[in-house]
């Protein structure tokens, strides 16, 4: 696994944990929700920019992306 892949994975794990904490859900549920409503694709596509933003900004972005794809967490 490359250093970049490790960085992406570590950031994703932390982001899912923060998403779960904000909404009072388990990390499993947070990950499944983000994946189901295309948040994971968004994150992977835009990682080079997103990792420079705060977790709050990233979560706000994920909420919007997921809502645009049918998600209901707000």
PDB file of N, CA and C in Angstrom:
ATOM      1  N   UNK A   1       0.861  -1.175   0.000  1.00  0.00           N
ATOM      2  CA  UNK A   1       0.000   0.000   0.000  1.00  0.00           C
ATOM      3  C   UNK A   1       0.907   1.238   0.000  1.00  0.00           C
ATOM      4  N   UNK A   2       0.601   2.168  -0.874  1.00  0.00           N
ATOM      5  CA  UNK A   2       1.412   3.381  -0.973  1.00  0.00           C
ATOM      6  C   UNK A   2       1.133   4.324   0.200  1.00  0.00           C
ATOM      7  N   UNK A   3       2.009   5.285   0.369  1.00  0.00           N
ATOM      8  CA  UNK A   3       1.827   6.283   1.429  1.00  0.00           C
ATOM      9  C   UNK A   3       0.551   7.082   1.195  1.00  0.00           C
ATOM     10  N   UNK A   4       0.263   7.405  -0.065  1.00  0.00           N
ATOM     11  CA  UNK A   4      -0.957   8.144  -0.380  1.00  0.00           C
ATOM     12  C   UNK A   4      -2.193   7.330  -0.015  1.00  0.00           C
ATOM     13  N   UNK A   5      -2.184   6.055  -0.345  1.00  0.00           N
ATOM     14  CA  UNK A   5      -3.313   5.187   0.005  1.00  0.00           C
ATOM     15  C   UNK A   5      -3.519   5.130   1.516  1.00  0.00           C
ATOM     16  N   UNK A   6      -2.439   5.066   2.264  1.00  0.00           N
ATOM     17  CA  UNK A   6      -2.536   5.052   3.729  1.00  0.00           C
ATOM     18  C   UNK A   6      -3.125   6.360   4.245  1.00  0.00           C
ATOM     19  N   UNK A   7      -2.686   7.474   3.665  1.00  0.00           N
ATOM     20  CA  UNK A   7      -3.209   8.777   4.078  1.00  0.00           C
ATOM     21  C   UNK A   7      -4.706   8.885   3.784  1.00  0.00           C
ATOM     22  N   UNK A   8      -5.104   8.427   2.614  1.00  0.00           N
ATOM     23  CA  UNK A   8      -6.521   8.454   2.232  1.00  0.00           C
ATOM     24  C   UNK A   8      -7.337   7.608   3.201  1.00  0.00           C
ATOM     25  N   UNK A   9      -6.866   6.420   3.481  1.00  0.00           N
ATOM     26  CA  UNK A   9      -7.574   5.514   4.373  1.00  0.00           C
ATOM     27  C   UNK A   9      -7.670   6.073   5.793  1.00  0.00           C
ATOM     28  N   UNK A  10      -6.579   6.591   6.306  1.00  0.00           N
ATOM     29  CA  UNK A  10      -6.586   7.155   7.667  1.00  0.00           C
ATOM     30  C   UNK A  10      -7.535   8.341   7.767  1.00  0.00           C
ATOM     31  N   UNK A  11      -7.517   9.197   6.762  1.00  0.00           N
ATOM     32  CA  UNK A  11      -8.407  10.350   6.782  1.00  0.00           C
ATOM     33  C   UNK A  11      -9.857   9.917   6.685  1.00  0.00           C
ATOM     34  N   UNK A  12     -10.132   8.921   5.854  1.00  0.00           N
ATOM     35  CA  UNK A  12     -11.501   8.418   5.710  1.00  0.00           C
ATOM     36  C   UNK A  12     -12.002   7.825   7.023  1.00  0.00           C
ATOM     37  N   UNK A  13     -11.171   7.067   7.700  1.00  0.00           N
ATOM     38  CA  UNK A  13     -11.559   6.469   8.983  1.00  0.00           C
ATOM     39  C   UNK A  13     -11.901   7.568   9.987  1.00  0.00           C
ATOM     40  N   UNK A  14     -11.060   8.591  10.051  1.00  0.00           N
ATOM     41  CA  UNK A  14     -11.311   9.702  10.977  1.00  0.00           C
ATOM     42  C   UNK A  14     -12.572  10.461  10.585  1.00  0.00           C
ATOM     43  N   UNK A  15     -12.783  10.665   9.301  1.00  0.00           N
ATOM     44  CA  UNK A  15     -13.966  11.384   8.828  1.00  0.00           C
ATOM     45  C   UNK A  15     -15.243  10.620   9.156  1.00  0.00           C
ATOM     46  N   UNK A  16     -15.246   9.330   8.956  1.00  0.00           N
ATOM     47  CA  UNK A  16     -16.416   8.511   9.289  1.00  0.00           C
ATOM     48  C   UNK A  16     -16.686   8.571  10.794  1.00  0.00           C
ATOM     49  N   UNK A  17     -15.633   8.520  11.596  1.00  0.00           N
ATOM     50  CA  UNK A  17     -15.797   8.598  13.055  1.00  0.00           C
ATOM     51  C   UNK A  17     -16.415   9.934  13.457  1.00  0.00           C
ATOM     52  N   UNK A  18     -15.972  11.023  12.852  1.00  0.00           N
ATOM     53  CA  UNK A  18     -16.518  12.340  13.170  1.00  0.00           C
ATOM     54  C   UNK A  18     -17.959  12.483  12.680  1.00  0.00           C
ATOM     55  N   UNK A  19     -18.268  11.921  11.525  1.00  0.00           N
ATOM     56  CA  UNK A  19     -19.632  11.924  10.990  1.00  0.00           C
ATOM     57  C   UNK A  19     -20.550  11.175  11.958  1.00  0.00           C
ATOM     58  N   UNK A  20     -20.103  10.012  12.393  1.00  0.00           N
ATOM     59  CA  UNK A  20     -20.887   9.202  13.343  1.00  0.00           C
ATOM     60  C   UNK A  20     -21.113   9.954  14.641  1.00  0.00           C
ATOM     61  N   UNK A  21     -20.074  10.614  15.136  1.00  0.00           N
ATOM     62  CA  UNK A  21     -20.186  11.351  16.395  1.00  0.00           C
ATOM     63  C   UNK A  21     -21.184  12.505  16.253  1.00  0.00           C
ATOM     64  N   UNK A  22     -21.130  13.222  15.143  1.00  0.00           N
ATOM     65  CA  UNK A  22     -22.028  14.366  14.961  1.00  0.00           C
ATOM     66  C   UNK A  22     -23.487  13.933  14.994  1.00  0.00           C
ATOM     67  N   UNK A  23     -23.794  12.772  14.427  1.00  0.00           N
ATOM     68  CA  UNK A  23     -25.187  12.345  14.312  1.00  0.00           C
ATOM     69  C   UNK A  23     -25.589  11.277  15.327  1.00  0.00           C
ATOM     70  N   UNK A  24     -24.675  10.920  16.222  1.00  0.00           N
ATOM     71  CA  UNK A  24     -25.002   9.959  17.267  1.00  0.00           C
ATOM     72  C   UNK A  24     -25.337   8.578  16.728  1.00  0.00           C
ATOM     73  N   UNK A  25     -24.613   8.162  15.693  1.00  0.00           N
ATOM     74  CA  UNK A  25     -24.823   6.837  15.115  1.00  0.00           C
ATOM     75  C   UNK A  25     -23.509   6.067  15.188  1.00  0.00           C
ATOM     76  N   UNK A  26     -23.579   4.775  14.950  1.00  0.00           N
ATOM     77  CA  UNK A  26     -22.358   3.972  14.972  1.00  0.00           C
ATOM     78  C   UNK A  26     -21.516   4.288  13.736  1.00  0.00           C
ATOM     79  N   UNK A  27     -20.245   3.969  13.834  1.00  0.00           N
ATOM     80  CA  UNK A  27     -19.362   4.186  12.693  1.00  0.00           C
ATOM     81  C   UNK A  27     -19.748   3.291  11.521  1.00  0.00           C
ATOM     82  N   UNK A  28     -20.240   2.090  11.806  1.00  0.00           N
ATOM     83  CA  UNK A  28     -20.710   1.203  10.737  1.00  0.00           C
ATOM     84  C   UNK A  28     -21.865   1.844   9.973  1.00  0.00           C
ATOM     85  N   UNK A  29     -22.826   2.389  10.718  1.00  0.00           N
ATOM     86  CA  UNK A  29     -23.971   3.035  10.077  1.00  0.00           C
ATOM     87  C   UNK A  29     -23.536   4.269   9.298  1.00  0.00           C
ATOM     88  N   UNK A  30     -22.609   5.031   9.855  1.00  0.00           N
ATOM     89  CA  UNK A  30     -22.110   6.226   9.175  1.00  0.00           C
ATOM     90  C   UNK A  30     -21.437   5.843   7.862  1.00  0.00           C
ATOM     91  N   UNK A  31     -20.570   4.853   7.899  1.00  0.00           N
ATOM     92  CA  UNK A  31     -19.882   4.407   6.678  1.00  0.00           C
ATOM     93  C   UNK A  31     -20.875   3.912   5.638  1.00  0.00           C
ATOM     94  N   UNK A  32     -21.811   3.078   6.068  1.00  0.00           N
ATOM     95  CA  UNK A  32     -22.797   2.536   5.127  1.00  0.00           C
ATOM     96  C   UNK A  32     -23.637   3.645   4.502  1.00  0.00           C
ATOM     97  N   UNK A  33     -24.018   4.632   5.298  1.00  0.00           N
ATOM     98  CA  UNK A  33     -24.803   5.758   4.792  1.00  0.00           C
ATOM     99  C   UNK A  33     -23.993   6.543   3.762  1.00  0.00           C
ATOM    100  N   UNK A  34     -22.757   6.878   4.112  1.00  0.00           N
ATOM    101  CA  UNK A  34     -21.895   7.644   3.207  1.00  0.00           C
ATOM    102  C   UNK A  34     -21.681   6.892   1.904  1.00  0.00           C
ATOM    103  N   UNK A  35     -21.481   5.598   1.997  1.00  0.00           N
ATOM    104  CA  UNK A  35     -21.272   4.787   0.798  1.00  0.00           C
ATOM    105  C   UNK A  35     -22.552   4.682  -0.033  1.00  0.00           C
ATOM    106  N   UNK A  36     -23.674   4.438   0.620  1.00  0.00           N
ATOM    107  CA  UNK A  36     -24.944   4.241  -0.086  1.00  0.00           C
ATOM    108  C   UNK A  36     -25.356   5.472  -0.900  1.00  0.00           C
ATOM    109  N   UNK A  37     -25.076   6.655  -0.363  1.00  0.00           N
ATOM    110  CA  UNK A  37     -25.525   7.881  -1.022  1.00  0.00           C
ATOM    111  C   UNK A  37     -24.389   8.626  -1.731  1.00  0.00           C
ATOM    112  N   UNK A  38     -23.406   7.868  -2.220  1.00  0.00           N
ATOM    113  CA  UNK A  38     -22.322   8.357  -3.073  1.00  0.00           C
ATOM    114  C   UNK A  38     -21.343   9.317  -2.408  1.00  0.00           C
ATOM    115  N   UNK A  39     -21.373   9.407  -1.101  1.00  0.00           N
ATOM    116  CA  UNK A  39     -20.406  10.243  -0.410  1.00  0.00           C
ATOM    117  C   UNK A  39     -18.995   9.701  -0.512  1.00  0.00           C
ATOM    118  N   UNK A  40     -18.860   8.390  -0.547  1.00  0.00           N
ATOM    119  CA  UNK A  40     -17.541   7.781  -0.648  1.00  0.00           C
ATOM    120  C   UNK A  40     -16.910   8.095  -2.007  1.00  0.00           C
ATOM    121  N   UNK A  41     -17.690   8.005  -3.071  1.00  0.00           N
ATOM    122  CA  UNK A  41     -17.172   8.348  -4.400  1.00  0.00           C
ATOM    123  C   UNK A  41     -16.737   9.804  -4.455  1.00  0.00           C
ATOM    124  N   UNK A  42     -17.543  10.682  -3.877  1.00  0.00           N
ATOM    125  CA  UNK A  42     -17.215  12.107  -3.801  1.00  0.00           C
ATOM    126  C   UNK A  42     -15.913  12.310  -3.046  1.00  0.00           C
ATOM    127  N   UNK A  43     -15.794  11.666  -1.910  1.00  0.00           N
ATOM    128  CA  UNK A  43     -14.600  11.791  -1.085  1.00  0.00           C
ATOM    129  C   UNK A  43     -13.363  11.333  -1.851  1.00  0.00           C
ATOM    130  N   UNK A  44     -13.425  10.168  -2.475  1.00  0.00           N
ATOM    131  CA  UNK A  44     -12.268   9.625  -3.188  1.00  0.00           C
ATOM    132  C   UNK A  44     -11.906  10.486  -4.400  1.00  0.00           C
ATOM    133  N   UNK A  45     -12.898  10.992  -5.092  1.00  0.00           N
ATOM    134  CA  UNK A  45     -12.662  11.810  -6.279  1.00  0.00           C
ATOM    135  C   UNK A  45     -11.993  13.141  -5.919  1.00  0.00           C
ATOM    136  N   UNK A  46     -12.363  13.706  -4.770  1.00  0.00           N
ATOM    137  CA  UNK A  46     -11.898  15.041  -4.402  1.00  0.00           C
ATOM    138  C   UNK A  46     -10.958  15.052  -3.190  1.00  0.00           C
ATOM    139  N   UNK A  47     -10.373  13.921  -2.867  1.00  0.00           N
ATOM    140  CA  UNK A  47      -9.515  13.815  -1.683  1.00  0.00           C
ATOM    141  C   UNK A  47      -8.436  14.886  -1.644  1.00  0.00           C
ATOM    142  N   UNK A  48      -7.811  15.166  -2.766  1.00  0.00           N
ATOM    143  CA  UNK A  48      -6.678  16.098  -2.770  1.00  0.00           C
ATOM    144  C   UNK A  48      -7.066  17.480  -2.240  1.00  0.00           C
ATOM    145  N   UNK A  49      -8.313  17.849  -2.397  1.00  0.00           N
ATOM    146  CA  UNK A  49      -8.796  19.121  -1.863  1.00  0.00           C
ATOM    147  C   UNK A  49      -9.393  18.917  -0.473  1.00  0.00           C
ATOM    148  N   UNK A  50     -10.220  17.886  -0.332  1.00  0.00           N
ATOM    149  CA  UNK A  50     -10.968  17.692   0.914  1.00  0.00           C
ATOM    150  C   UNK A  50     -10.082  17.499   2.133  1.00  0.00           C
ATOM    151  N   UNK A  51      -8.946  16.846   1.966  1.00  0.00           N
ATOM    152  CA  UNK A  51      -8.108  16.596   3.152  1.00  0.00           C
ATOM    153  C   UNK A  51      -7.488  17.878   3.703  1.00  0.00           C
ATOM    154  N   UNK A  52      -7.575  18.970   2.956  1.00  0.00           N
ATOM    155  CA  UNK A  52      -7.049  20.247   3.447  1.00  0.00           C
ATOM    156  C   UNK A  52      -8.092  21.035   4.239  1.00  0.00           C
ATOM    157  N   UNK A  53      -9.337  20.585   4.215  1.00  0.00           N
ATOM    158  CA  UNK A  53     -10.430  21.259   4.916  1.00  0.00           C
ATOM    159  C   UNK A  53     -10.638  20.649   6.295  1.00  0.00           C
ATOM    160  N   UNK A  54     -11.377  21.339   7.127  1.00  0.00           N
ATOM    161  CA  UNK A  54     -11.687  20.824   8.465  1.00  0.00           C
ATOM    162  C   UNK A  54     -12.662  19.655   8.374  1.00  0.00           C
ATOM    163  N   UNK A  55     -12.739  18.885   9.444  1.00  0.00           N
ATOM    164  CA  UNK A  55     -13.717  17.800   9.486  1.00  0.00           C
ATOM    165  C   UNK A  55     -15.136  18.355   9.394  1.00  0.00           C
ATOM    166  N   UNK A  56     -15.389  19.475  10.053  1.00  0.00           N
ATOM    167  CA  UNK A  56     -16.727  20.072   9.977  1.00  0.00           C
ATOM    168  C   UNK A  56     -17.094  20.423   8.540  1.00  0.00           C
ATOM    169  N   UNK A  57     -16.167  21.024   7.809  1.00  0.00           N
ATOM    170  CA  UNK A  57     -16.431  21.359   6.407  1.00  0.00           C
ATOM    171  C   UNK A  57     -16.647  20.101   5.570  1.00  0.00           C
ATOM    172  N   UNK A  58     -15.850  19.078   5.829  1.00  0.00           N
ATOM    173  CA  UNK A  58     -15.994  17.823   5.103  1.00  0.00           C
ATOM    174  C   UNK A  58     -17.338  17.161   5.385  1.00  0.00           C
ATOM    175  N   UNK A  59     -17.753  17.168   6.641  1.00  0.00           N
ATOM    176  CA  UNK A  59     -19.034  16.572   7.002  1.00  0.00           C
ATOM    177  C   UNK A  59     -20.179  17.351   6.354  1.00  0.00           C
ATOM    178  N   UNK A  60     -20.089  18.677   6.384  1.00  0.00           N
ATOM    179  CA  UNK A  60     -21.117  19.492   5.730  1.00  0.00           C
ATOM    180  C   UNK A  60     -21.212  19.160   4.239  1.00  0.00           C
ATOM    181  N   UNK A  61     -20.069  18.969   3.607  1.00  0.00           N
ATOM    182  CA  UNK A  61     -20.054  18.592   2.197  1.00  0.00           C
ATOM    183  C   UNK A  61     -20.655  17.218   1.965  1.00  0.00           C
ATOM    184  N   UNK A  62     -20.315  16.271   2.822  1.00  0.00           N
ATOM    185  CA  UNK A  62     -20.879  14.921   2.696  1.00  0.00           C
ATOM    186  C   UNK A  62     -22.395  14.936   2.871  1.00  0.00           C
ATOM    187  N   UNK A  63     -22.871  15.750   3.800  1.00  0.00           N
ATOM    188  CA  UNK A  63     -24.319  15.854   4.012  1.00  0.00           C
ATOM    189  C   UNK A  63     -25.003  16.312   2.724  1.00  0.00           C
ATOM    190  N   UNK A  64     -24.430  17.307   2.075  1.00  0.00           N
ATOM    191  CA  UNK A  64     -25.018  17.831   0.838  1.00  0.00           C
ATOM    192  C   UNK A  64     -24.967  16.810  -0.285  1.00  0.00           C
ATOM    193  N   UNK A  65     -23.825  16.178  -0.451  1.00  0.00           N
ATOM    194  CA  UNK A  65     -23.690  15.172  -1.508  1.00  0.00           C
ATOM    195  C   UNK A  65     -24.677  14.036  -1.282  1.00  0.00           C
ATOM    196  N   UNK A  66     -24.732  13.532  -0.057  1.00  0.00           N
ATOM    197  CA  UNK A  66     -25.646  12.428   0.248  1.00  0.00           C
ATOM    198  C   UNK A  66     -27.101  12.850   0.071  1.00  0.00           C
ATOM    199  N   UNK A  67     -27.450  14.061   0.498  1.00  0.00           N
ATOM    200  CA  UNK A  67     -28.825  14.552   0.336  1.00  0.00           C
ATOM    201  C   UNK A  67     -29.186  14.653  -1.147  1.00  0.00           C
ATOM    202  N   UNK A  68     -28.241  15.074  -1.965  1.00  0.00           N
ATOM    203  CA  UNK A  68     -28.491  15.164  -3.404  1.00  0.00           C
ATOM    204  C   UNK A  68     -28.698  13.813  -4.043  1.00  0.00           C
ATOM    205  N   UNK A  69     -28.289  12.757  -3.345  1.00  0.00           N
ATOM    206  CA  UNK A  69     -28.426  11.389  -3.853  1.00  0.00           C
ATOM    207  C   UNK A  69     -29.440  10.578  -3.060  1.00  0.00           C
ATOM    208  N   UNK A  70     -30.333  11.253  -2.331  1.00  0.00           N
ATOM    209  CA  UNK A  70     -31.413  10.569  -1.643  1.00  0.00           C
ATOM    210  C   UNK A  70     -31.249  10.391  -0.149  1.00  0.00           C
ATOM    211  N   UNK A  71     -30.122  10.794   0.412  1.00  0.00           N
ATOM    212  CA  UNK A  71     -29.897  10.657   1.850  1.00  0.00           C
ATOM    213  C   UNK A  71     -30.781  11.605   2.637  1.00  0.00           C
ATOM    214  N   UNK A  72     -31.075  11.228   3.875  1.00  0.00           N
ATOM    215  CA  UNK A  72     -31.999  12.032   4.684  1.00  0.00           C
ATOM    216  C   UNK A  72     -31.384  12.593   5.967  1.00  0.00           C
ATOM    217  N   UNK A  73     -30.129  12.298   6.248  1.00  0.00           N
ATOM    218  CA  UNK A  73     -29.474  12.854   7.434  1.00  0.00           C
ATOM    219  C   UNK A  73     -29.121  14.302   7.148  1.00  0.00           C
ATOM    220  N   UNK A  74     -29.509  15.188   8.081  1.00  0.00           N
ATOM    221  CA  UNK A  74     -29.201  16.617   7.892  1.00  0.00           C
ATOM    222  C   UNK A  74     -28.692  17.223   9.152  1.00  0.00           C
TER     223      UNK A  74
END
